[in-house]
N, C-alpha and C. Protein backbone atom coordinates (compact mmCIF):
# COMPACT_ATOMS: atom_id res chain seq x y z
N MET A 1 6.13 11.01 -67.54
CA MET A 1 7.60 10.84 -67.85
C MET A 1 7.60 11.31 -69.19
N SER A 2 9.55 11.52 -69.45
CA SER A 2 9.97 11.74 -70.95
C SER A 2 9.80 10.85 -71.28
N ASP A 3 9.96 11.01 -72.87
CA ASP A 3 9.65 9.81 -73.63
C ASP A 3 10.95 9.33 -73.87
N ALA A 4 11.73 8.27 -74.17
CA ALA A 4 12.61 7.69 -74.17
C ALA A 4 13.68 8.33 -74.90
N GLY A 5 15.01 8.22 -74.27
CA GLY A 5 16.23 9.12 -75.45
C GLY A 5 16.02 10.22 -75.25
N ALA A 6 14.72 11.34 -74.58
CA ALA A 6 14.25 12.32 -75.29
C ALA A 6 14.91 13.44 -73.46
N GLY A 7 15.04 14.48 -73.72
CA GLY A 7 15.75 15.11 -71.95
C GLY A 7 14.29 14.83 -71.30
N PRO A 8 14.76 15.93 -70.54
CA PRO A 8 12.97 16.26 -69.46
C PRO A 8 13.09 17.56 -70.59
N ARG A 9 11.44 17.38 -70.33
CA ARG A 9 10.91 18.43 -70.65
C ARG A 9 10.56 19.96 -70.08
N PRO A 10 10.89 21.08 -70.99
CA PRO A 10 11.17 22.10 -70.07
C PRO A 10 9.54 22.61 -69.64
N LEU A 11 10.40 23.01 -68.52
CA LEU A 11 9.33 23.89 -67.28
C LEU A 11 8.05 24.67 -68.14
N PRO A 12 7.37 24.75 -68.20
CA PRO A 12 6.11 25.62 -68.58
C PRO A 12 6.25 26.87 -67.71
N THR A 13 6.24 28.00 -68.60
CA THR A 13 5.80 29.31 -67.86
C THR A 13 4.01 29.73 -68.14
N PHE A 14 4.30 30.85 -67.53
CA PHE A 14 3.10 31.53 -67.23
C PHE A 14 3.10 32.93 -67.75
N ARG A 15 2.49 33.42 -67.74
CA ARG A 15 2.57 35.20 -67.75
C ARG A 15 2.29 36.05 -66.39
N PRO A 16 2.76 36.68 -66.25
CA PRO A 16 2.75 37.37 -64.72
C PRO A 16 2.15 37.32 -64.28
N ASP A 17 0.98 37.78 -65.13
CA ASP A 17 -0.66 38.09 -64.32
C ASP A 17 -1.55 36.68 -63.61
N GLU A 18 -0.77 35.48 -64.50
CA GLU A 18 -2.07 34.05 -64.19
C GLU A 18 -1.10 33.54 -62.66
N ARG A 19 -2.50 33.29 -62.13
CA ARG A 19 -2.52 32.75 -60.77
C ARG A 19 -2.86 32.12 -60.37
N VAL A 20 -1.62 31.18 -60.73
CA VAL A 20 -1.22 29.89 -60.71
C VAL A 20 -0.24 29.15 -60.28
N CYS A 21 -0.24 27.79 -59.32
CA CYS A 21 1.09 27.90 -58.11
C CYS A 21 2.27 27.88 -59.06
N GLY A 22 1.94 27.64 -60.48
CA GLY A 22 3.65 27.98 -60.85
C GLY A 22 3.67 29.49 -60.97
N ASN A 23 3.45 29.96 -60.66
CA ASN A 23 4.27 31.62 -60.35
C ASN A 23 3.97 31.93 -58.55
N CYS A 24 3.94 31.23 -57.70
CA CYS A 24 3.71 31.02 -56.78
C CYS A 24 5.66 30.48 -55.98
N LYS A 25 6.19 31.41 -55.72
CA LYS A 25 7.62 31.41 -55.28
C LYS A 25 7.72 29.43 -53.81
N LEU A 26 6.55 29.88 -53.68
CA LEU A 26 6.62 28.00 -52.76
C LEU A 26 6.42 27.29 -53.26
N TRP A 27 6.00 26.83 -54.80
CA TRP A 27 5.68 25.82 -55.35
C TRP A 27 7.25 25.75 -56.14
N SER A 28 7.91 24.90 -56.23
CA SER A 28 9.10 23.99 -57.12
C SER A 28 9.04 22.93 -57.76
N PRO A 29 9.24 22.75 -58.52
CA PRO A 29 9.29 21.67 -59.40
C PRO A 29 10.01 20.59 -58.69
N HIS A 30 9.55 19.53 -59.13
CA HIS A 30 10.34 17.64 -58.81
C HIS A 30 10.46 17.03 -59.29
N SER A 31 9.67 16.75 -60.08
CA SER A 31 9.85 15.55 -61.77
C SER A 31 8.87 15.67 -62.13
N GLU A 32 8.81 15.10 -63.23
CA GLU A 32 8.04 14.26 -64.06
C GLU A 32 7.01 13.28 -63.71
N ASP A 33 5.61 13.60 -64.05
CA ASP A 33 5.24 12.17 -64.71
C ASP A 33 3.71 12.50 -65.61
N HIS A 34 2.89 11.92 -65.56
CA HIS A 34 2.42 12.05 -66.67
C HIS A 34 1.40 13.11 -67.43
N ARG A 35 1.33 13.84 -66.31
CA ARG A 35 0.72 15.13 -66.13
C ARG A 35 1.93 16.14 -66.51
N GLY A 36 3.23 16.02 -66.57
CA GLY A 36 4.24 17.12 -66.86
C GLY A 36 4.85 16.78 -65.99
N TRP A 37 5.10 18.11 -65.88
CA TRP A 37 6.32 18.73 -64.33
C TRP A 37 5.26 18.79 -63.21
N VAL A 38 5.69 17.97 -61.80
CA VAL A 38 5.18 18.82 -60.66
C VAL A 38 5.77 18.61 -59.52
N GLY A 39 5.30 19.52 -58.70
CA GLY A 39 6.39 19.67 -57.53
C GLY A 39 5.49 19.72 -56.53
N PRO A 40 6.60 20.05 -55.41
CA PRO A 40 5.79 20.06 -53.68
C PRO A 40 5.02 21.88 -53.71
N CYS A 41 4.57 22.15 -52.32
CA CYS A 41 4.35 23.48 -51.77
C CYS A 41 4.89 23.28 -50.46
N ARG A 42 5.84 24.53 -50.33
CA ARG A 42 5.85 24.63 -48.75
C ARG A 42 5.74 24.55 -47.77
N VAL A 43 4.14 25.41 -47.99
CA VAL A 43 3.48 25.26 -46.96
C VAL A 43 2.74 24.18 -47.13
N TYR A 44 1.56 23.65 -47.30
CA TYR A 44 0.43 22.75 -47.21
C TYR A 44 1.48 21.27 -48.28
N THR A 45 2.66 20.77 -47.43
CA THR A 45 3.11 19.53 -47.99
C THR A 45 2.60 18.10 -47.60
N SER A 46 0.78 18.47 -47.43
CA SER A 46 0.25 17.76 -47.46
C SER A 46 -0.15 16.60 -48.34
N ARG A 47 -0.16 17.97 -49.69
CA ARG A 47 -0.96 18.12 -50.85
C ARG A 47 -0.03 17.24 -51.81
N GLY A 48 1.37 16.86 -51.46
CA GLY A 48 2.15 15.96 -52.48
C GLY A 48 2.38 16.84 -53.45
N LEU A 49 2.67 16.37 -54.52
CA LEU A 49 3.41 16.78 -55.72
C LEU A 49 1.87 17.34 -56.78
N PHE A 50 2.39 18.38 -57.55
CA PHE A 50 1.34 18.79 -58.23
C PHE A 50 1.86 19.44 -59.44
N PRO A 51 0.78 19.50 -60.13
CA PRO A 51 1.06 20.64 -61.47
C PRO A 51 1.09 21.91 -61.57
N PRO A 52 2.32 23.03 -61.69
CA PRO A 52 2.54 24.42 -61.41
C PRO A 52 1.45 24.75 -61.74
N SER A 53 0.32 24.03 -62.31
CA SER A 53 -1.34 24.99 -63.65
C SER A 53 -2.23 24.93 -62.56
N ALA A 54 -2.00 24.59 -60.97
CA ALA A 54 -2.92 24.23 -59.98
C ALA A 54 -3.45 25.53 -59.49
N PRO A 55 -4.78 25.70 -59.26
CA PRO A 55 -4.93 27.48 -58.90
C PRO A 55 -4.49 27.97 -57.76
N ILE A 56 -4.40 28.67 -57.57
CA ILE A 56 -3.78 29.25 -55.94
C ILE A 56 -4.40 29.14 -54.51
N CYS A 57 -3.85 29.33 -53.43
CA CYS A 57 -4.36 29.05 -52.68
C CYS A 57 -4.71 30.55 -51.82
N ASP A 58 -4.63 30.64 -50.54
CA ASP A 58 -4.47 31.50 -49.52
C ASP A 58 -3.47 32.32 -49.35
N LYS A 59 -2.76 31.62 -49.47
CA LYS A 59 -0.89 31.49 -49.24
C LYS A 59 -0.26 31.41 -50.42
N TYR A 60 -0.63 32.39 -51.33
CA TYR A 60 -0.31 32.67 -52.22
C TYR A 60 0.84 33.23 -52.64
N ALA A 61 1.90 33.26 -53.24
CA ALA A 61 3.04 34.64 -53.16
C ALA A 61 3.91 34.67 -54.59
N PRO A 62 3.96 35.59 -55.11
CA PRO A 62 4.22 35.39 -56.71
C PRO A 62 5.42 35.45 -56.05
N ARG A 63 6.31 34.99 -57.13
CA ARG A 63 8.16 35.11 -57.35
C ARG A 63 7.98 36.39 -57.18
N GLY A 64 9.88 36.45 -56.41
CA GLY A 64 10.42 37.80 -56.39
C GLY A 64 9.26 39.36 -55.43
N SER A 65 8.67 38.11 -54.16
CA SER A 65 7.58 38.70 -53.31
C SER A 65 8.54 37.63 -52.27
N ALA A 66 8.04 38.29 -50.80
CA ALA A 66 8.29 37.55 -49.63
C ALA A 66 7.49 36.56 -48.93
N ALA A 67 7.77 35.28 -49.05
CA ALA A 67 7.47 34.50 -48.46
C ALA A 67 6.82 34.24 -47.69
N PRO A 68 5.16 34.06 -47.24
CA PRO A 68 4.64 33.99 -45.91
C PRO A 68 5.17 32.55 -45.09
N ALA A 69 5.23 33.07 -43.80
CA ALA A 69 6.00 32.20 -42.98
C ALA A 69 4.81 31.30 -43.07
N ALA A 70 5.57 29.65 -43.04
CA ALA A 70 5.08 28.56 -42.88
C ALA A 70 4.12 28.32 -41.65
N PRO A 71 2.83 27.95 -41.50
CA PRO A 71 2.15 27.60 -40.08
C PRO A 71 2.66 27.44 -38.92
N LEU A 72 1.99 27.66 -37.92
CA LEU A 72 3.16 27.21 -36.97
C LEU A 72 1.87 26.29 -36.03
N VAL A 73 2.04 25.32 -35.62
CA VAL A 73 1.63 23.82 -34.87
C VAL A 73 1.25 24.35 -33.77
N SER A 74 -0.45 24.88 -33.42
CA SER A 74 -0.72 25.18 -31.95
C SER A 74 -0.50 23.96 -30.94
N SER A 75 -0.51 24.23 -30.71
CA SER A 75 -0.33 23.69 -29.31
C SER A 75 -2.04 23.16 -28.05
N ASN A 76 -2.13 22.00 -27.92
CA ASN A 76 -3.31 21.96 -26.92
C ASN A 76 -3.21 22.35 -25.67
N ARG A 77 -2.00 22.40 -25.06
CA ARG A 77 -1.32 22.91 -23.91
C ARG A 77 -1.27 23.93 -23.44
N THR A 78 -2.21 24.83 -22.31
CA THR A 78 -2.30 25.39 -21.55
C THR A 78 -1.39 25.60 -20.54
N ARG A 79 -0.23 26.73 -21.18
CA ARG A 79 0.73 26.73 -19.88
C ARG A 79 -0.07 27.15 -18.79
N PRO A 80 0.47 26.76 -17.21
CA PRO A 80 -0.38 27.67 -16.55
C PRO A 80 0.72 29.19 -16.88
N ALA A 81 -1.01 30.22 -15.49
CA ALA A 81 0.07 31.60 -15.31
C ALA A 81 1.17 31.85 -14.27
N ARG A 82 2.49 32.02 -14.86
CA ARG A 82 3.35 32.65 -13.46
C ARG A 82 2.91 33.52 -12.45
N SER A 83 3.00 33.15 -11.36
CA SER A 83 2.85 33.69 -10.64
C SER A 83 4.62 34.71 -10.23
N VAL A 84 3.35 36.37 -10.13
CA VAL A 84 4.67 37.24 -9.91
C VAL A 84 4.69 37.59 -8.51
N ALA A 85 3.34 37.23 -7.53
CA ALA A 85 3.77 38.04 -6.39
C ALA A 85 5.06 36.92 -5.54
N PRO A 86 5.72 37.82 -4.65
CA PRO A 86 6.64 37.57 -3.86
C PRO A 86 6.17 36.71 -3.06
N VAL A 87 7.50 36.08 -3.02
CA VAL A 87 7.32 34.86 -1.98
C VAL A 87 7.44 35.39 -0.56
N VAL A 88 6.42 34.43 0.66
CA VAL A 88 6.88 35.24 1.95
C VAL A 88 6.98 33.88 2.66
N VAL A 89 8.45 33.83 3.16
CA VAL A 89 8.63 32.62 4.17
C VAL A 89 8.34 33.19 5.48
N ARG A 90 7.60 32.56 6.46
CA ARG A 90 7.53 32.97 7.61
C ARG A 90 8.35 31.84 8.38
N HIS A 91 9.09 32.73 9.53
CA HIS A 91 10.15 31.46 10.06
C HIS A 91 9.28 31.19 11.27
N ARG A 92 9.31 30.02 11.93
CA ARG A 92 8.21 30.19 13.24
C ARG A 92 9.17 30.30 14.31
N ALA A 93 8.83 31.73 15.43
CA ALA A 93 9.10 32.10 16.45
C ALA A 93 10.07 31.04 17.76
N ASP A 94 11.27 31.01 18.11
CA ASP A 94 11.68 30.58 19.01
C ASP A 94 11.13 30.53 20.40
N PRO A 95 10.17 29.67 21.26
CA PRO A 95 9.80 29.33 22.46
C PRO A 95 9.97 29.64 23.25
N ARG A 96 11.37 29.77 23.50
CA ARG A 96 12.31 30.86 24.44
C ARG A 96 12.73 31.34 24.13
N ALA A 97 12.73 32.55 23.12
CA ALA A 97 12.99 33.67 23.06
C ALA A 97 12.40 34.65 24.37
N VAL A 98 13.46 35.65 24.89
CA VAL A 98 13.38 36.49 25.85
C VAL A 98 12.86 37.75 25.10
N VAL A 99 11.26 38.14 25.37
CA VAL A 99 10.07 39.02 25.23
C VAL A 99 10.50 39.89 26.32
N ASP A 100 10.85 41.26 26.09
CA ASP A 100 10.89 42.57 27.45
C ASP A 100 10.02 43.26 27.57
N LEU A 101 8.97 43.16 28.31
CA LEU A 101 8.13 44.27 28.49
C LEU A 101 8.11 45.38 29.99
N GLU A 102 8.80 46.41 29.24
CA GLU A 102 8.70 47.25 30.12
C GLU A 102 9.73 46.91 31.58
N GLY A 103 10.62 45.87 31.70
CA GLY A 103 11.65 45.85 32.72
C GLY A 103 11.30 44.27 32.84
N LEU A 104 9.83 43.79 32.44
CA LEU A 104 9.94 42.64 32.74
C LEU A 104 9.72 41.28 31.50
N ASN A 105 10.62 40.73 31.78
CA ASN A 105 11.22 39.34 31.16
C ASN A 105 10.48 38.26 31.59
N MET A 106 10.19 37.86 30.33
CA MET A 106 9.91 36.62 29.74
C MET A 106 9.51 35.63 28.69
N THR A 107 9.63 34.65 29.07
CA THR A 107 9.65 33.79 27.42
C THR A 107 8.73 34.06 26.48
N ARG A 108 8.53 33.39 25.19
CA ARG A 108 7.53 34.15 24.78
C ARG A 108 6.33 33.01 24.88
N GLU A 109 6.85 31.46 25.03
CA GLU A 109 6.00 30.86 25.77
C GLU A 109 5.45 30.61 26.82
N GLU A 110 5.96 31.96 27.85
CA GLU A 110 5.34 32.12 28.89
C GLU A 110 4.39 32.85 28.74
N LEU A 111 4.89 34.07 27.62
CA LEU A 111 3.25 34.78 27.29
C LEU A 111 2.54 35.00 27.14
N MET A 112 2.84 33.14 25.65
CA MET A 112 1.55 32.72 25.24
C MET A 112 0.78 32.20 25.83
N ASP A 113 1.05 32.01 27.20
CA ASP A 113 0.14 31.34 27.88
C ASP A 113 -0.74 31.80 29.07
N ILE A 114 0.14 33.43 29.08
CA ILE A 114 -0.86 34.19 29.68
C ILE A 114 -2.26 34.53 28.40
N PHE A 115 -1.38 34.11 27.59
CA PHE A 115 -3.13 34.98 27.02
C PHE A 115 -3.23 34.10 26.58
N ARG A 116 -3.15 32.52 26.78
CA ARG A 116 -4.08 31.55 26.84
C ARG A 116 -5.24 31.80 27.87
N GLU A 117 -4.42 31.13 28.93
CA GLU A 117 -5.27 31.34 30.20
C GLU A 117 -6.25 32.94 30.24
N ALA A 118 -6.39 33.56 29.94
CA ALA A 118 -6.70 35.04 29.92
C ALA A 118 -8.12 34.76 28.89
N ALA A 119 -7.43 33.93 27.94
CA ALA A 119 -8.89 33.87 26.03
C ALA A 119 -9.63 32.00 26.86
N GLY A 120 -8.85 31.61 27.78
CA GLY A 120 -9.86 30.25 28.25
C GLY A 120 -9.56 28.82 27.57
N LEU A 121 -8.11 29.23 27.13
CA LEU A 121 -7.72 28.27 25.93
C LEU A 121 -6.91 27.28 26.84
N SER A 122 -6.51 27.61 27.67
CA SER A 122 -4.97 26.70 28.43
C SER A 122 -6.10 26.25 29.55
N ASP A 123 -5.53 24.98 29.47
CA ASP A 123 -5.42 23.84 30.66
C ASP A 123 -5.58 24.23 31.99
N PRO A 124 -5.77 24.02 33.22
CA PRO A 124 -5.22 24.79 34.46
C PRO A 124 -4.12 23.64 34.88
N PRO A 125 -3.69 23.96 36.16
CA PRO A 125 -2.20 22.70 36.35
C PRO A 125 -2.74 21.55 36.65
N LEU A 126 -2.20 20.33 36.52
CA LEU A 126 -2.52 19.92 37.09
C LEU A 126 -1.76 19.15 38.21
N ALA A 127 -2.57 18.90 39.51
CA ALA A 127 -1.62 18.23 40.85
C ALA A 127 -0.77 17.71 40.11
N GLY A 128 0.89 17.74 41.26
CA GLY A 128 1.83 17.63 40.74
C GLY A 128 1.85 15.97 41.14
N LYS A 129 1.21 15.57 42.04
CA LYS A 129 1.58 13.63 41.87
C LYS A 129 0.69 12.80 40.72
N TRP A 130 0.15 13.47 40.11
CA TRP A 130 -0.76 12.84 38.91
C TRP A 130 0.26 13.45 37.53
N GLU A 131 0.98 14.01 37.89
CA GLU A 131 1.61 13.96 36.55
C GLU A 131 2.51 12.64 35.84
N GLY A 132 2.45 12.52 35.03
CA GLY A 132 2.76 11.21 34.31
C GLY A 132 2.34 9.96 34.20
N GLY A 133 0.99 10.19 35.31
CA GLY A 133 0.41 9.19 35.63
C GLY A 133 -0.62 8.48 34.35
N THR A 134 -1.34 7.36 34.97
CA THR A 134 -2.12 6.88 34.13
C THR A 134 -3.33 6.15 34.84
N VAL A 135 -4.34 5.93 34.59
CA VAL A 135 -5.83 5.61 34.74
C VAL A 135 -5.63 3.88 33.64
N ARG A 136 -6.17 3.61 34.83
CA ARG A 136 -5.91 1.82 34.68
C ARG A 136 -7.82 1.31 34.08
N LEU A 137 -8.39 0.88 33.50
CA LEU A 137 -9.80 0.44 33.69
C LEU A 137 -9.60 -1.35 33.46
N VAL A 138 -10.13 -1.70 34.25
CA VAL A 138 -10.32 -3.17 34.20
C VAL A 138 -11.16 -3.77 34.27
N PRO A 139 -11.48 -4.33 33.21
CA PRO A 139 -12.94 -4.96 33.21
C PRO A 139 -13.61 -6.38 34.48
N GLY A 140 -14.76 -6.17 34.48
CA GLY A 140 -14.99 -7.04 35.25
C GLY A 140 -13.93 -8.62 34.72
N ASN A 141 -15.01 -9.01 33.94
CA ASN A 141 -14.06 -9.89 33.57
C ASN A 141 -12.53 -10.32 33.02
N PRO A 142 -11.69 -11.14 34.53
CA PRO A 142 -10.89 -11.39 34.53
C PRO A 142 -10.12 -11.71 33.17
N GLU A 143 -10.84 -12.21 32.29
CA GLU A 143 -9.89 -12.42 30.62
C GLU A 143 -10.01 -11.67 29.44
N LEU A 144 -10.80 -10.88 29.85
CA LEU A 144 -10.80 -9.35 29.26
C LEU A 144 -9.25 -8.12 29.33
N GLN A 145 -8.86 -7.66 28.37
CA GLN A 145 -7.58 -6.88 28.57
C GLN A 145 -8.22 -5.47 29.05
N ALA A 146 -7.08 -5.59 30.04
CA ALA A 146 -7.71 -3.82 31.22
C ALA A 146 -6.67 -2.63 30.11
N LYS A 147 -7.14 -1.19 30.08
CA LYS A 147 -7.48 -0.21 29.18
C LYS A 147 -6.23 0.47 29.88
N ASP A 148 -5.32 0.82 29.78
CA ASP A 148 -5.12 2.11 30.40
C ASP A 148 -5.00 3.88 29.72
N LEU A 149 -5.17 5.21 30.47
CA LEU A 149 -5.66 6.32 29.49
C LEU A 149 -4.96 7.23 30.70
N PRO A 150 -4.17 7.84 29.98
CA PRO A 150 -3.14 8.90 30.57
C PRO A 150 -4.12 9.97 31.71
N ILE A 151 -3.49 9.92 32.53
CA ILE A 151 -4.06 11.49 33.51
C ILE A 151 -4.34 12.25 32.97
N ASP A 152 -3.04 13.29 32.06
CA ASP A 152 -3.26 14.19 31.20
C ASP A 152 -4.21 14.05 30.54
N ASN A 153 -4.72 12.93 29.39
CA ASN A 153 -5.76 13.17 28.63
C ASN A 153 -7.27 13.14 29.15
N LEU A 154 -7.46 12.53 30.26
CA LEU A 154 -8.45 12.82 31.33
C LEU A 154 -8.51 13.70 32.13
N PHE A 155 -7.54 14.54 32.56
CA PHE A 155 -7.65 15.93 32.80
C PHE A 155 -8.40 16.77 32.18
N HIS A 156 -7.79 16.99 31.01
CA HIS A 156 -8.21 18.20 29.74
C HIS A 156 -9.32 17.38 29.17
N LYS A 157 -9.74 16.47 29.36
CA LYS A 157 -11.04 16.02 29.21
C LYS A 157 -12.20 16.83 30.53
N VAL A 158 -11.49 16.33 31.52
CA VAL A 158 -12.51 17.25 32.32
C VAL A 158 -12.72 18.48 32.50
N THR A 159 -11.40 19.31 32.03
CA THR A 159 -10.60 20.78 32.67
C THR A 159 -12.52 21.58 31.09
N MET A 160 -12.27 20.41 30.13
CA MET A 160 -13.13 21.26 28.86
C MET A 160 -14.97 21.01 29.15
N VAL A 161 -15.08 19.94 30.17
CA VAL A 161 -16.66 20.20 30.56
C VAL A 161 -16.64 20.49 31.48
N ARG A 162 -15.56 21.75 31.92
CA ARG A 162 -15.88 22.57 33.17
C ARG A 162 -16.08 24.02 32.39
N ASP A 163 -15.22 23.96 31.76
CA ASP A 163 -15.19 25.32 30.72
C ASP A 163 -16.95 25.37 30.17
N ARG A 164 -17.07 24.34 29.57
CA ARG A 164 -18.18 24.70 28.56
C ARG A 164 -19.58 25.11 29.69
N ILE A 165 -19.17 23.84 31.05
CA ILE A 165 -20.46 24.48 31.88
C ILE A 165 -20.58 25.83 32.13
N ARG A 166 -19.08 26.50 32.54
CA ARG A 166 -18.47 27.87 32.93
C ARG A 166 -19.83 28.69 31.71
N VAL A 167 -19.24 28.36 30.09
CA VAL A 167 -19.83 29.73 29.55
C VAL A 167 -21.70 29.36 29.41
N LEU A 168 -21.81 27.72 29.61
CA LEU A 168 -23.53 27.97 29.70
C LEU A 168 -23.77 28.28 31.10
N GLU A 169 -23.12 28.78 31.54
CA GLU A 169 -23.94 29.32 32.95
C GLU A 169 -23.74 30.39 32.78
N GLN A 170 -23.19 31.09 32.00
CA GLN A 170 -22.62 32.57 31.95
C GLN A 170 -23.89 33.63 30.99
N LYS A 171 -24.05 32.66 29.73
CA LYS A 171 -25.17 32.26 28.80
C LYS A 171 -27.09 32.82 29.46
N LEU A 172 -26.96 31.45 29.90
CA LEU A 172 -28.11 31.87 31.17
C LEU A 172 -28.34 33.02 31.90
N ASN A 173 -27.05 32.97 33.01
CA ASN A 173 -27.43 34.15 33.30
C ASN A 173 -27.92 35.81 32.65
N ALA A 174 -27.22 35.59 30.88
CA ALA A 174 -27.30 36.89 30.68
C ALA A 174 -28.13 36.94 29.93
N HIS A 175 -28.72 36.11 29.37
CA HIS A 175 -30.31 35.55 28.73
C HIS A 175 -31.19 36.36 28.61
N PRO A 176 -32.08 37.60 28.08
CA PRO A 176 -32.68 38.34 28.09
C PRO A 176 -34.12 38.13 28.07
N LYS A 177 -33.91 36.88 27.81
CA LYS A 177 -35.83 36.29 27.47
C LYS A 177 -36.12 35.48 28.44
N LEU A 178 -34.97 35.23 29.76
CA LEU A 178 -35.65 34.15 31.15
C LEU A 178 -35.69 35.49 31.77
N SER A 179 -36.50 34.42 32.71
CA SER A 179 -37.10 35.49 34.04
C SER A 179 -36.18 35.42 35.09
N ASP A 180 -35.87 36.22 36.35
CA ASP A 180 -35.25 35.09 37.74
C ASP A 180 -35.39 34.08 37.79
N ALA A 181 -36.89 33.80 37.99
CA ALA A 181 -36.95 32.90 38.88
C ALA A 181 -36.56 31.44 38.09
N GLU A 182 -36.30 31.46 35.99
CA GLU A 182 -36.21 30.61 35.24
C GLU A 182 -34.35 30.48 35.46
N LYS A 183 -33.46 31.40 35.37
CA LYS A 183 -32.47 31.90 35.75
C LYS A 183 -32.04 30.61 37.25
N ALA A 184 -32.91 30.95 38.33
CA ALA A 184 -32.56 31.01 39.60
C ALA A 184 -32.57 29.24 39.16
N GLU A 185 -33.73 28.30 38.51
CA GLU A 185 -33.96 26.99 38.39
C GLU A 185 -32.98 26.13 37.67
N MET A 186 -32.22 27.03 36.23
CA MET A 186 -31.56 26.38 35.84
C MET A 186 -30.14 26.38 36.74
N GLN A 187 -29.58 27.60 37.49
CA GLN A 187 -28.25 27.69 38.05
C GLN A 187 -28.95 26.37 39.28
N GLY A 188 -29.46 26.34 39.42
CA GLY A 188 -29.96 24.89 40.44
C GLY A 188 -29.21 24.04 39.39
N TYR A 189 -29.62 23.43 38.25
CA TYR A 189 -29.56 22.70 37.82
C TYR A 189 -28.08 22.54 37.62
N ILE A 190 -27.55 23.59 37.15
CA ILE A 190 -26.03 23.82 36.87
C ILE A 190 -25.10 23.46 38.01
N THR A 191 -25.61 23.78 39.40
CA THR A 191 -24.80 23.85 40.30
C THR A 191 -25.28 22.15 41.25
N ARG A 192 -25.89 21.50 40.45
CA ARG A 192 -25.94 20.14 41.12
C ARG A 192 -24.83 19.25 39.94
N VAL A 193 -24.79 19.28 38.71
CA VAL A 193 -23.64 19.19 37.80
C VAL A 193 -21.99 19.32 38.69
N TYR A 194 -21.96 20.45 38.89
CA TYR A 194 -20.74 20.82 39.85
C TYR A 194 -20.68 19.77 40.83
N GLY A 195 -21.31 19.85 41.29
CA GLY A 195 -21.81 18.74 42.62
C GLY A 195 -21.07 17.08 42.16
N SER A 196 -21.87 16.98 40.31
CA SER A 196 -21.48 16.15 40.80
C SER A 196 -20.28 15.35 40.03
N LEU A 197 -19.82 16.95 39.66
CA LEU A 197 -18.11 16.35 39.16
C LEU A 197 -16.38 16.66 40.07
N THR A 198 -17.42 17.27 41.28
CA THR A 198 -16.38 16.69 42.35
C THR A 198 -15.42 16.05 43.11
N SER A 199 -15.91 15.08 42.70
CA SER A 199 -15.00 13.61 42.49
C SER A 199 -13.72 13.86 41.84
N PHE A 200 -13.86 14.88 40.71
CA PHE A 200 -12.00 14.87 40.04
C PHE A 200 -11.51 16.02 40.46
N ASN A 201 -12.29 17.14 41.99
CA ASN A 201 -11.23 17.86 42.31
C ASN A 201 -9.83 17.14 42.90
N LEU A 202 -9.09 16.25 43.05
CA LEU A 202 -8.31 16.07 43.19
C LEU A 202 -6.87 15.98 42.38
N LEU A 203 -7.37 16.02 40.98
CA LEU A 203 -7.00 16.39 40.28
C LEU A 203 -6.24 17.77 39.85
N PHE A 204 -6.73 18.84 40.57
CA PHE A 204 -6.49 20.11 40.09
C PHE A 204 -5.51 20.27 41.14
N LYS A 205 -4.17 21.20 40.55
CA LYS A 205 -2.89 21.45 41.60
C LYS A 205 -4.12 23.00 42.11
N GLU A 206 -4.63 23.91 42.18
CA GLU A 206 -5.31 24.94 42.97
C GLU A 206 -6.28 24.85 42.66
N LYS A 207 -7.11 25.19 44.26
CA LYS A 207 -8.43 24.76 44.60
C LYS A 207 -9.27 25.78 44.02
N GLY A 208 -9.33 27.23 43.30
CA GLY A 208 -9.78 27.63 43.22
C GLY A 208 -10.33 27.32 41.77
N ASP A 209 -9.70 26.05 40.95
CA ASP A 209 -9.66 25.65 39.67
C ASP A 209 -11.12 24.20 39.75
N GLN A 210 -10.91 24.09 40.76
CA GLN A 210 -11.98 23.24 41.61
C GLN A 210 -13.32 22.94 41.18
N PHE A 211 -14.15 22.10 41.27
CA PHE A 211 -15.72 22.36 41.03
C PHE A 211 -16.23 22.55 41.84
N VAL A 212 -17.45 23.40 42.15
CA VAL A 212 -17.94 23.78 43.45
C VAL A 212 -19.39 23.28 43.33
N GLY A 213 -19.76 22.69 43.73
CA GLY A 213 -21.54 22.17 43.80
C GLY A 213 -22.32 22.32 45.44
N SER A 214 -23.32 22.43 45.30
CA SER A 214 -24.32 22.86 46.66
C SER A 214 -23.33 22.05 47.73
N LYS A 215 -23.97 21.90 48.78
CA LYS A 215 -22.88 21.44 50.10
C LYS A 215 -23.77 20.00 50.07
N GLY A 216 -25.38 19.13 49.49
CA GLY A 216 -25.34 17.97 49.63
C GLY A 216 -24.74 17.48 48.30
N ASP A 217 -24.46 18.36 47.67
CA ASP A 217 -23.85 17.36 46.41
C ASP A 217 -22.41 16.97 46.13
N GLU A 218 -21.80 17.80 47.40
CA GLU A 218 -20.16 17.47 47.31
C GLU A 218 -19.95 16.42 48.34
């Protein structure tokens, strides 16, 4: 504080070679206290007000030189990397679109049916009279509720069983370590399985898709 009735004390001066905050352009005078003139630093504002005789820091910039930029506040947030890869938009092909195969015209869906059938991925056709039908499972106890099962679902499961057995039959016949006698024995079991499933033949539209077992098992 300055003396009562007296004006402010003059700012202290320092030799140009003195490395004190008073010679740094980042320090500026603010007011007087018991220490004399005090002021803040433009970079380290958290230091508050301090006298110009304070020792310099790493941001010291002599008056008349360019002042260093204030430190940037780093962010802990990491920005996700922006993808520069092109975005590919796939359009679903119309299954009703016509495909021209050297004069043979068919829809995409019909062509896919051919591929699925060749790969064993499609079900054989269901007999027409069963289309949209329902199988009802009725418990012996009349107090219990019956359960309805769409015939299409049952038929799909039956054809899955048939296809798995056919694959098993092919693998057994091509197995390199089985003797002919062992293959014949295994084939006999498979034929009996086919015979047990002939009850479902009435579901197949085409006779060639039906189960064929031994005469005794049919």
